[in-house]
Amino acid sequence: MPDVRSPIRHHLVLYRRDMEQGRARFFSLMIERDLFGTIRLVRNWGFVGSKGQENVEIFPDEAEAAQALDAWAAAQRQKGYTDL
């Protein structure tokens, strides 16, 4: 049974600006626990100012979700995304 008193708080937002086109993009990663105690990695991405798109992956524990978050963050940084 997961410890519901200790909510998971892992959230990372990366940005990429294209000055030539005047556009900015975002990529957000968040590990959360839903009402049933399931560990989820939520990814949001799109243009700044828009709702963007969302994808949710479910993991058996927080450690695996954190590894996936780190892998996604590294991949996006290689594409030019940075912390603000």
PDB file of N, CA and C in Angstrom:
ATOM      1  N   MET A   1       0.848  -1.185   0.000  1.00  0.00           N
ATOM      2  CA  MET A   1       0.000   0.000   0.000  1.00  0.00           C
ATOM      3  C   MET A   1       0.887   1.239   0.000  1.00  0.00           C
ATOM      4  N   PRO A   2       0.712   2.129  -0.976  1.00  0.00           N
ATOM      5  CA  PRO A   2       1.545   3.342  -1.023  1.00  0.00           C
ATOM      6  C   PRO A   2       1.219   4.289   0.127  1.00  0.00           C
ATOM      7  N   ASP A   3       2.207   5.065   0.488  1.00  0.00           N
ATOM      8  CA  ASP A   3       2.038   6.054   1.544  1.00  0.00           C
ATOM      9  C   ASP A   3       1.362   7.277   0.954  1.00  0.00           C
ATOM     10  N   VAL A   4       0.054   7.438   1.201  1.00  0.00           N
ATOM     11  CA  VAL A   4      -0.699   8.540   0.610  1.00  0.00           C
ATOM     12  C   VAL A   4      -0.432   9.861   1.315  1.00  0.00           C
ATOM     13  N   ARG A   5       0.226   9.830   2.464  1.00  0.00           N
ATOM     14  CA  ARG A   5       0.550  11.073   3.169  1.00  0.00           C
ATOM     15  C   ARG A   5       1.722  11.802   2.538  1.00  0.00           C
ATOM     16  N   SER A   6       2.475  11.114   1.706  1.00  0.00           N
ATOM     17  CA  SER A   6       3.662  11.705   1.097  1.00  0.00           C
ATOM     18  C   SER A   6       3.497  11.753  -0.426  1.00  0.00           C
ATOM     19  N   PRO A   7       2.822  12.776  -0.944  1.00  0.00           N
ATOM     20  CA  PRO A   7       2.633  12.834  -2.400  1.00  0.00           C
ATOM     21  C   PRO A   7       3.966  13.042  -3.128  1.00  0.00           C
ATOM     22  N   ILE A   8       4.047  12.487  -4.286  1.00  0.00           N
ATOM     23  CA  ILE A   8       5.248  12.602  -5.106  1.00  0.00           C
ATOM     24  C   ILE A   8       5.274  13.993  -5.712  1.00  0.00           C
ATOM     25  N   ARG A   9       6.438  14.633  -5.712  1.00  0.00           N
ATOM     26  CA  ARG A   9       6.545  15.979  -6.273  1.00  0.00           C
ATOM     27  C   ARG A   9       7.766  16.070  -7.173  1.00  0.00           C
ATOM     28  N   HIS A  10       7.644  15.525  -8.348  1.00  0.00           N
ATOM     29  CA  HIS A  10       8.700  15.635  -9.350  1.00  0.00           C
ATOM     30  C   HIS A  10       8.078  16.327 -10.559  1.00  0.00           C
ATOM     31  N   HIS A  11       8.554  17.507 -10.876  1.00  0.00           N
ATOM     32  CA  HIS A  11       8.003  18.251 -12.006  1.00  0.00           C
ATOM     33  C   HIS A  11       9.138  18.984 -12.702  1.00  0.00           C
ATOM     34  N   LEU A  12       9.200  18.853 -14.015  1.00  0.00           N
ATOM     35  CA  LEU A  12      10.250  19.492 -14.794  1.00  0.00           C
ATOM     36  C   LEU A  12       9.614  20.107 -16.030  1.00  0.00           C
ATOM     37  N   VAL A  13       9.924  21.371 -16.295  1.00  0.00           N
ATOM     38  CA  VAL A  13       9.440  22.046 -17.499  1.00  0.00           C
ATOM     39  C   VAL A  13      10.652  22.536 -18.281  1.00  0.00           C
ATOM     40  N   LEU A  14      10.721  22.163 -19.551  1.00  0.00           N
ATOM     41  CA  LEU A  14      11.798  22.575 -20.448  1.00  0.00           C
ATOM     42  C   LEU A  14      11.217  23.439 -21.552  1.00  0.00           C
ATOM     43  N   TYR A  15      12.027  24.365 -22.074  1.00  0.00           N
ATOM     44  CA  TYR A  15      11.582  25.280 -23.128  1.00  0.00           C
ATOM     45  C   TYR A  15      12.578  25.283 -24.275  1.00  0.00           C
ATOM     46  N   ARG A  16      12.063  25.575 -25.464  1.00  0.00           N
ATOM     47  CA  ARG A  16      12.914  25.761 -26.636  1.00  0.00           C
ATOM     48  C   ARG A  16      12.356  26.950 -27.424  1.00  0.00           C
ATOM     49  N   ARG A  17      13.216  27.926 -27.687  1.00  0.00           N
ATOM     50  CA  ARG A  17      12.788  29.125 -28.411  1.00  0.00           C
ATOM     51  C   ARG A  17      13.382  29.138 -29.811  1.00  0.00           C
ATOM     52  N   ASP A  18      12.575  29.489 -30.781  1.00  0.00           N
ATOM     53  CA  ASP A  18      13.024  29.666 -32.155  1.00  0.00           C
ATOM     54  C   ASP A  18      12.814  31.140 -32.498  1.00  0.00           C
ATOM     55  N   MET A  19      13.866  31.924 -32.357  1.00  0.00           N
ATOM     56  CA  MET A  19      13.770  33.373 -32.544  1.00  0.00           C
ATOM     57  C   MET A  19      13.438  33.757 -33.985  1.00  0.00           C
ATOM     58  N   GLU A  20      13.904  32.968 -34.957  1.00  0.00           N
ATOM     59  CA  GLU A  20      13.642  33.285 -36.364  1.00  0.00           C
ATOM     60  C   GLU A  20      12.152  33.224 -36.684  1.00  0.00           C
ATOM     61  N   GLN A  21      11.458  32.239 -36.117  1.00  0.00           N
ATOM     62  CA  GLN A  21      10.030  32.094 -36.383  1.00  0.00           C
ATOM     63  C   GLN A  21       9.169  32.741 -35.300  1.00  0.00           C
ATOM     64  N   GLY A  22       9.794  33.200 -34.228  1.00  0.00           N
ATOM     65  CA  GLY A  22       9.042  33.830 -33.151  1.00  0.00           C
ATOM     66  C   GLY A  22       8.176  32.841 -32.386  1.00  0.00           C
ATOM     67  N   ARG A  23       8.647  31.614 -32.258  1.00  0.00           N
ATOM     68  CA  ARG A  23       7.889  30.576 -31.567  1.00  0.00           C
ATOM     69  C   ARG A  23       8.653  30.065 -30.360  1.00  0.00           C
ATOM     70  N   ALA A  24       7.901  29.602 -29.395  1.00  0.00           N
ATOM     71  CA  ALA A  24       8.491  28.960 -28.223  1.00  0.00           C
ATOM     72  C   ALA A  24       7.696  27.692 -27.934  1.00  0.00           C
ATOM     73  N   ARG A  25       8.411  26.630 -27.603  1.00  0.00           N
ATOM     74  CA  ARG A  25       7.789  25.346 -27.305  1.00  0.00           C
ATOM     75  C   ARG A  25       8.094  24.959 -25.859  1.00  0.00           C
ATOM     76  N   PHE A  26       7.259  24.095 -25.304  1.00  0.00           N
ATOM     77  CA  PHE A  26       7.489  23.592 -23.957  1.00  0.00           C
ATOM     78  C   PHE A  26       7.395  22.075 -23.952  1.00  0.00           C
ATOM     79  N   PHE A  27       8.040  21.477 -22.967  1.00  0.00           N
ATOM     80  CA  PHE A  27       7.962  20.039 -22.726  1.00  0.00           C
ATOM     81  C   PHE A  27       7.943  19.858 -21.217  1.00  0.00           C
ATOM     82  N   SER A  28       6.854  19.343 -20.685  1.00  0.00           N
ATOM     83  CA  SER A  28       6.660  19.218 -19.243  1.00  0.00           C
ATOM     84  C   SER A  28       6.599  17.746 -18.848  1.00  0.00           C
ATOM     85  N   LEU A  29       7.299  17.405 -17.775  1.00  0.00           N
ATOM     86  CA  LEU A  29       7.298  16.048 -17.231  1.00  0.00           C
ATOM     87  C   LEU A  29       6.908  16.117 -15.761  1.00  0.00           C
ATOM     88  N   MET A  30       5.980  15.248 -15.342  1.00  0.00           N
ATOM     89  CA  MET A  30       5.554  15.261 -13.952  1.00  0.00           C
ATOM     90  C   MET A  30       5.251  13.831 -13.501  1.00  0.00           C
ATOM     91  N   ILE A  31       5.806  13.449 -12.350  1.00  0.00           N
ATOM     92  CA  ILE A  31       5.471  12.166 -11.732  1.00  0.00           C
ATOM     93  C   ILE A  31       4.424  12.456 -10.671  1.00  0.00           C
ATOM     94  N   GLU A  32       3.335  11.698 -10.722  1.00  0.00           N
ATOM     95  CA  GLU A  32       2.263  11.906  -9.759  1.00  0.00           C
ATOM     96  C   GLU A  32       1.645  10.568  -9.357  1.00  0.00           C
ATOM     97  N   ARG A  33       0.878  10.600  -8.307  1.00  0.00           N
ATOM     98  CA  ARG A  33       0.132   9.432  -7.851  1.00  0.00           C
ATOM     99  C   ARG A  33      -1.355   9.763  -7.994  1.00  0.00           C
ATOM    100  N   ASP A  34      -2.118   8.869  -8.635  1.00  0.00           N
ATOM    101  CA  ASP A  34      -3.544   9.128  -8.779  1.00  0.00           C
ATOM    102  C   ASP A  34      -4.304   8.700  -7.520  1.00  0.00           C
ATOM    103  N   LEU A  35      -5.615   8.787  -7.552  1.00  0.00           N
ATOM    104  CA  LEU A  35      -6.431   8.483  -6.376  1.00  0.00           C
ATOM    105  C   LEU A  35      -6.315   7.031  -5.916  1.00  0.00           C
ATOM    106  N   PHE A  36      -5.910   6.148  -6.818  1.00  0.00           N
ATOM    107  CA  PHE A  36      -5.805   4.735  -6.481  1.00  0.00           C
ATOM    108  C   PHE A  36      -4.378   4.328  -6.117  1.00  0.00           C
ATOM    109  N   GLY A  37      -3.463   5.289  -6.056  1.00  0.00           N
ATOM    110  CA  GLY A  37      -2.088   5.022  -5.668  1.00  0.00           C
ATOM    111  C   GLY A  37      -1.177   4.624  -6.813  1.00  0.00           C
ATOM    112  N   THR A  38      -1.669   4.697  -8.042  1.00  0.00           N
ATOM    113  CA  THR A  38      -0.865   4.344  -9.208  1.00  0.00           C
ATOM    114  C   THR A  38       0.139   5.449  -9.509  1.00  0.00           C
ATOM    115  N   ILE A  39       1.381   5.062  -9.781  1.00  0.00           N
ATOM    116  CA  ILE A  39       2.430   6.022 -10.119  1.00  0.00           C
ATOM    117  C   ILE A  39       2.343   6.301 -11.617  1.00  0.00           C
ATOM    118  N   ARG A  40       2.242   7.583 -11.983  1.00  0.00           N
ATOM    119  CA  ARG A  40       2.088   7.973 -13.379  1.00  0.00           C
ATOM    120  C   ARG A  40       3.140   9.006 -13.768  1.00  0.00           C
ATOM    121  N   LEU A  41       3.655   8.882 -14.991  1.00  0.00           N
ATOM    122  CA  LEU A  41       4.509   9.909 -15.586  1.00  0.00           C
ATOM    123  C   LEU A  41       3.671  10.610 -16.638  1.00  0.00           C
ATOM    124  N   VAL A  42       3.409  11.887 -16.413  1.00  0.00           N
ATOM    125  CA  VAL A  42       2.573  12.680 -17.325  1.00  0.00           C
ATOM    126  C   VAL A  42       3.486  13.578 -18.138  1.00  0.00           C
ATOM    127  N   ARG A  43       3.387  13.473 -19.470  1.00  0.00           N
ATOM    128  CA  ARG A  43       4.175  14.312 -20.375  1.00  0.00           C
ATOM    129  C   ARG A  43       3.227  15.248 -21.127  1.00  0.00           C
ATOM    130  N   ASN A  44       3.549  16.531 -21.124  1.00  0.00           N
ATOM    131  CA  ASN A  44       2.816  17.529 -21.903  1.00  0.00           C
ATOM    132  C   ASN A  44       3.812  18.240 -22.803  1.00  0.00           C
ATOM    133  N   TRP A  45       3.401  18.567 -24.029  1.00  0.00           N
ATOM    134  CA  TRP A  45       4.284  19.284 -24.935  1.00  0.00           C
ATOM    135  C   TRP A  45       3.451  20.064 -25.941  1.00  0.00           C
ATOM    136  N   GLY A  46       4.057  21.108 -26.484  1.00  0.00           N
ATOM    137  CA  GLY A  46       3.394  21.928 -27.487  1.00  0.00           C
ATOM    138  C   GLY A  46       3.982  23.328 -27.513  1.00  0.00           C
ATOM    139  N   PHE A  47       3.239  24.245 -28.129  1.00  0.00           N
ATOM    140  CA  PHE A  47       3.658  25.639 -28.200  1.00  0.00           C
ATOM    141  C   PHE A  47       3.250  26.358 -26.922  1.00  0.00           C
ATOM    142  N   VAL A  48       4.111  27.255 -26.459  1.00  0.00           N
ATOM    143  CA  VAL A  48       3.796  28.047 -25.272  1.00  0.00           C
ATOM    144  C   VAL A  48       2.541  28.858 -25.570  1.00  0.00           C
ATOM    145  N   GLY A  49       1.600  28.833 -24.638  1.00  0.00           N
ATOM    146  CA  GLY A  49       0.336  29.539 -24.801  1.00  0.00           C
ATOM    147  C   GLY A  49      -0.779  28.639 -25.298  1.00  0.00           C
ATOM    148  N   SER A  50      -0.455  27.409 -25.665  1.00  0.00           N
ATOM    149  CA  SER A  50      -1.483  26.473 -26.114  1.00  0.00           C
ATOM    150  C   SER A  50      -1.646  25.364 -25.079  1.00  0.00           C
ATOM    151  N   LYS A  51      -2.710  24.605 -25.204  1.00  0.00           N
ATOM    152  CA  LYS A  51      -2.944  23.479 -24.311  1.00  0.00           C
ATOM    153  C   LYS A  51      -1.927  22.374 -24.557  1.00  0.00           C
ATOM    154  N   GLY A  52      -1.531  22.193 -25.795  1.00  0.00           N
ATOM    155  CA  GLY A  52      -0.555  21.170 -26.132  1.00  0.00           C
ATOM    156  C   GLY A  52      -1.156  19.776 -26.122  1.00  0.00           C
ATOM    157  N   GLN A  53      -0.302  18.792 -26.106  1.00  0.00           N
ATOM    158  CA  GLN A  53      -0.714  17.400 -26.096  1.00  0.00           C
ATOM    159  C   GLN A  53      -0.259  16.757 -24.799  1.00  0.00           C
ATOM    160  N   GLU A  54      -0.877  15.616 -24.454  1.00  0.00           N
ATOM    161  CA  GLU A  54      -0.547  14.950 -23.201  1.00  0.00           C
ATOM    162  C   GLU A  54      -0.492  13.444 -23.412  1.00  0.00           C
ATOM    163  N   ASN A  55       0.434  12.801 -22.706  1.00  0.00           N
ATOM    164  CA  ASN A  55       0.557  11.354 -22.713  1.00  0.00           C
ATOM    165  C   ASN A  55       0.846  10.907 -21.285  1.00  0.00           C
ATOM    166  N   VAL A  56       0.243   9.793 -20.867  1.00  0.00           N
ATOM    167  CA  VAL A  56       0.417   9.278 -19.505  1.00  0.00           C
ATOM    168  C   VAL A  56       0.956   7.858 -19.576  1.00  0.00           C
ATOM    169  N   GLU A  57       2.023   7.594 -18.811  1.00  0.00           N
ATOM    170  CA  GLU A  57       2.581   6.254 -18.681  1.00  0.00           C
ATOM    171  C   GLU A  57       2.457   5.831 -17.225  1.00  0.00           C
ATOM    172  N   ILE A  58       2.145   4.561 -16.991  1.00  0.00           N
ATOM    173  CA  ILE A  58       1.997   4.031 -15.636  1.00  0.00           C
ATOM    174  C   ILE A  58       3.209   3.170 -15.302  1.00  0.00           C
ATOM    175  N   PHE A  59       3.709   3.314 -14.069  1.00  0.00           N
ATOM    176  CA  PHE A  59       4.895   2.597 -13.615  1.00  0.00           C
ATOM    177  C   PHE A  59       4.606   1.876 -12.302  1.00  0.00           C
ATOM    178  N   PRO A  60       5.312   0.762 -12.050  1.00  0.00           N
ATOM    179  CA  PRO A  60       5.074   0.016 -10.812  1.00  0.00           C
ATOM    180  C   PRO A  60       5.613   0.705  -9.564  1.00  0.00           C
ATOM    181  N   ASP A  61       6.653   1.539  -9.720  1.00  0.00           N
ATOM    182  CA  ASP A  61       7.181   2.247  -8.555  1.00  0.00           C
ATOM    183  C   ASP A  61       7.790   3.578  -8.983  1.00  0.00           C
ATOM    184  N   GLU A  62       8.077   4.399  -7.980  1.00  0.00           N
ATOM    185  CA  GLU A  62       8.580   5.754  -8.225  1.00  0.00           C
ATOM    186  C   GLU A  62       9.966   5.756  -8.857  1.00  0.00           C
ATOM    187  N   ALA A  63      10.797   4.775  -8.504  1.00  0.00           N
ATOM    188  CA  ALA A  63      12.160   4.726  -9.034  1.00  0.00           C
ATOM    189  C   ALA A  63      12.156   4.535 -10.549  1.00  0.00           C
ATOM    190  N   GLU A  64      11.317   3.656 -11.057  1.00  0.00           N
ATOM    191  CA  GLU A  64      11.244   3.444 -12.510  1.00  0.00           C
ATOM    192  C   GLU A  64      10.681   4.677 -13.214  1.00  0.00           C
ATOM    193  N   ALA A  65       9.710   5.325 -12.593  1.00  0.00           N
ATOM    194  CA  ALA A  65       9.152   6.550 -13.169  1.00  0.00           C
ATOM    195  C   ALA A  65      10.211   7.649 -13.212  1.00  0.00           C
ATOM    196  N   ALA A  66      11.038   7.734 -12.175  1.00  0.00           N
ATOM    197  CA  ALA A  66      12.104   8.741 -12.136  1.00  0.00           C
ATOM    198  C   ALA A  66      13.151   8.465 -13.215  1.00  0.00           C
ATOM    199  N   GLN A  67      13.469   7.193 -13.460  1.00  0.00           N
ATOM    200  CA  GLN A  67      14.406   6.849 -14.535  1.00  0.00           C
ATOM    201  C   GLN A  67      13.846   7.256 -15.891  1.00  0.00           C
ATOM    202  N   ALA A  68      12.556   7.017 -16.095  1.00  0.00           N
ATOM    203  CA  ALA A  68      11.921   7.405 -17.359  1.00  0.00           C
ATOM    204  C   ALA A  68      11.906   8.921 -17.510  1.00  0.00           C
ATOM    205  N   LEU A  69      11.641   9.640 -16.418  1.00  0.00           N
ATOM    206  CA  LEU A  69      11.656  11.105 -16.457  1.00  0.00           C
ATOM    207  C   LEU A  69      13.046  11.598 -16.857  1.00  0.00           C
ATOM    208  N   ASP A  70      14.081  11.035 -16.265  1.00  0.00           N
ATOM    209  CA  ASP A  70      15.449  11.434 -16.593  1.00  0.00           C
ATOM    210  C   ASP A  70      15.786  11.138 -18.053  1.00  0.00           C
ATOM    211  N   ALA A  71      15.336   9.993 -18.559  1.00  0.00           N
ATOM    212  CA  ALA A  71      15.599   9.628 -19.957  1.00  0.00           C
ATOM    213  C   ALA A  71      14.897  10.587 -20.914  1.00  0.00           C
ATOM    214  N   TRP A  72      13.624  10.916 -20.625  1.00  0.00           N
ATOM    215  CA  TRP A  72      12.898  11.867 -21.476  1.00  0.00           C
ATOM    216  C   TRP A  72      13.558  13.244 -21.427  1.00  0.00           C
ATOM    217  N   ALA A  73      13.960  13.679 -20.238  1.00  0.00           N
ATOM    218  CA  ALA A  73      14.593  14.993 -20.095  1.00  0.00           C
ATOM    219  C   ALA A  73      15.896  15.047 -20.885  1.00  0.00           C
ATOM    220  N   ALA A  74      16.702  13.987 -20.813  1.00  0.00           N
ATOM    221  CA  ALA A  74      17.964  13.957 -21.563  1.00  0.00           C
ATOM    222  C   ALA A  74      17.710  14.000 -23.068  1.00  0.00           C
ATOM    223  N   ALA A  75      16.711  13.273 -23.526  1.00  0.00           N
ATOM    224  CA  ALA A  75      16.387  13.256 -24.961  1.00  0.00           C
ATOM    225  C   ALA A  75      15.930  14.641 -25.427  1.00  0.00           C
ATOM    226  N   GLN A  76      15.122  15.318 -24.628  1.00  0.00           N
ATOM    227  CA  GLN A  76      14.642  16.644 -25.013  1.00  0.00           C
ATOM    228  C   GLN A  76      15.756  17.683 -24.962  1.00  0.00           C
ATOM    229  N   ARG A  77      16.660  17.548 -24.013  1.00  0.00           N
ATOM    230  CA  ARG A  77      17.796  18.479 -23.956  1.00  0.00           C
ATOM    231  C   ARG A  77      18.679  18.337 -25.188  1.00  0.00           C
ATOM    232  N   GLN A  78      18.801  17.123 -25.717  1.00  0.00           N
ATOM    233  CA  GLN A  78      19.576  16.928 -26.947  1.00  0.00           C
ATOM    234  C   GLN A  78      18.901  17.619 -28.133  1.00  0.00           C
ATOM    235  N   LYS A  79      17.592  17.798 -28.070  1.00  0.00           N
ATOM    236  CA  LYS A  79      16.847  18.487 -29.126  1.00  0.00           C
ATOM    237  C   LYS A  79      16.886  19.996 -28.992  1.00  0.00           C
ATOM    238  N   GLY A  80      17.513  20.491 -27.914  1.00  0.00           N
ATOM    239  CA  GLY A  80      17.646  21.937 -27.754  1.00  0.00           C
ATOM    240  C   GLY A  80      16.781  22.536 -26.660  1.00  0.00           C
ATOM    241  N   TYR A  81      16.032  21.725 -25.937  1.00  0.00           N
ATOM    242  CA  TYR A  81      15.237  22.237 -24.837  1.00  0.00           C
ATOM    243  C   TYR A  81      16.137  22.520 -23.637  1.00  0.00           C
ATOM    244  N   THR A  82      15.824  23.573 -22.893  1.00  0.00           N
ATOM    245  CA  THR A  82      16.600  23.942 -21.711  1.00  0.00           C
ATOM    246  C   THR A  82      15.665  24.332 -20.582  1.00  0.00           C
ATOM    247  N   ASP A  83      16.218  24.334 -19.360  1.00  0.00           N
ATOM    248  CA  ASP A  83      15.468  24.846 -18.203  1.00  0.00           C
ATOM    249  C   ASP A  83      15.409  26.360 -18.348  1.00  0.00           C
ATOM    250  N   LEU A  84      14.391  26.943 -17.820  1.00  0.00           N
ATOM    251  CA  LEU A  84      14.268  28.393 -17.908  1.00  0.00           C
ATOM    252  C   LEU A  84      15.111  29.097 -16.888  1.00  0.00           C
TER     253      LEU A  84
END
